[in-house]
């Protein structure tokens, strides 16, 4: 479960960063 949680958190972080870069 920890692996999936970390993976999901990492994907969410990368997605947020991509959106911020796209908007900025």
N, C-alpha and C. Protein backbone atom coordinates (compact mmCIF):
# COMPACT_ATOMS: atom_id res chain seq x y z
N UNK A 1 0.84 -1.21 0.00
CA UNK A 1 0.00 0.00 0.00
C UNK A 1 0.88 1.27 0.00
N UNK A 2 1.98 1.19 0.74
CA UNK A 2 2.86 2.37 0.81
C UNK A 2 3.38 2.74 -0.58
N UNK A 3 3.74 1.73 -1.36
CA UNK A 3 4.27 2.01 -2.70
C UNK A 3 3.24 2.75 -3.55
N UNK A 4 2.00 2.27 -3.50
CA UNK A 4 0.93 2.91 -4.28
C UNK A 4 0.69 4.33 -3.77
N UNK A 5 0.71 4.50 -2.45
CA UNK A 5 0.47 5.82 -1.86
C UNK A 5 1.56 6.80 -2.32
N UNK A 6 2.81 6.38 -2.25
CA UNK A 6 3.93 7.24 -2.65
C UNK A 6 3.82 7.55 -4.15
N UNK A 7 3.49 6.54 -4.94
CA UNK A 7 3.38 6.73 -6.39
C UNK A 7 2.27 7.73 -6.68
N UNK A 8 1.13 7.57 -6.03
CA UNK A 8 0.01 8.48 -6.26
C UNK A 8 0.40 9.90 -5.85
N UNK A 9 1.09 10.03 -4.73
CA UNK A 9 1.50 11.36 -4.25
C UNK A 9 2.47 11.99 -5.25
N UNK A 10 3.41 11.20 -5.75
CA UNK A 10 4.39 11.71 -6.71
C UNK A 10 3.69 12.15 -8.00
N UNK A 11 2.76 11.33 -8.49
CA UNK A 11 2.03 11.68 -9.71
C UNK A 11 1.24 12.97 -9.50
N UNK A 12 0.61 13.09 -8.35
CA UNK A 12 -0.16 14.30 -8.05
C UNK A 12 0.74 15.52 -8.02
N UNK A 13 1.93 15.38 -7.44
CA UNK A 13 2.88 16.49 -7.36
C UNK A 13 3.34 16.90 -8.76
N UNK A 14 3.69 15.92 -9.58
CA UNK A 14 4.13 16.21 -10.95
C UNK A 14 3.01 16.86 -11.75
N UNK A 15 1.78 16.38 -11.56
CA UNK A 15 0.63 16.95 -12.28
C UNK A 15 0.43 18.39 -11.87
N UNK A 16 0.50 18.68 -10.57
CA UNK A 16 0.33 20.04 -10.07
C UNK A 16 1.43 20.95 -10.62
N UNK A 17 2.65 20.45 -10.64
CA UNK A 17 3.78 21.24 -11.15
C UNK A 17 3.58 21.55 -12.63
N UNK A 18 3.12 20.57 -13.38
CA UNK A 18 2.88 20.76 -14.82
C UNK A 18 1.81 21.82 -15.04
N UNK A 19 0.73 21.76 -14.25
CA UNK A 19 -0.36 22.74 -14.39
C UNK A 19 0.16 24.14 -14.05
N UNK A 20 0.94 24.26 -12.98
CA UNK A 20 1.47 25.57 -12.59
C UNK A 20 2.36 26.13 -13.69
N UNK A 21 3.21 25.27 -14.27
CA UNK A 21 4.10 25.72 -15.35
C UNK A 21 3.27 26.13 -16.56
N UNK A 22 2.23 25.39 -16.87
CA UNK A 22 1.39 25.70 -18.03
C UNK A 22 0.67 27.04 -17.82
N UNK A 23 0.19 27.26 -16.61
CA UNK A 23 -0.54 28.50 -16.32
C UNK A 23 0.43 29.68 -16.24
N UNK A 24 1.63 29.41 -15.70
CA UNK A 24 2.59 30.50 -15.52
C UNK A 24 3.29 30.77 -16.84
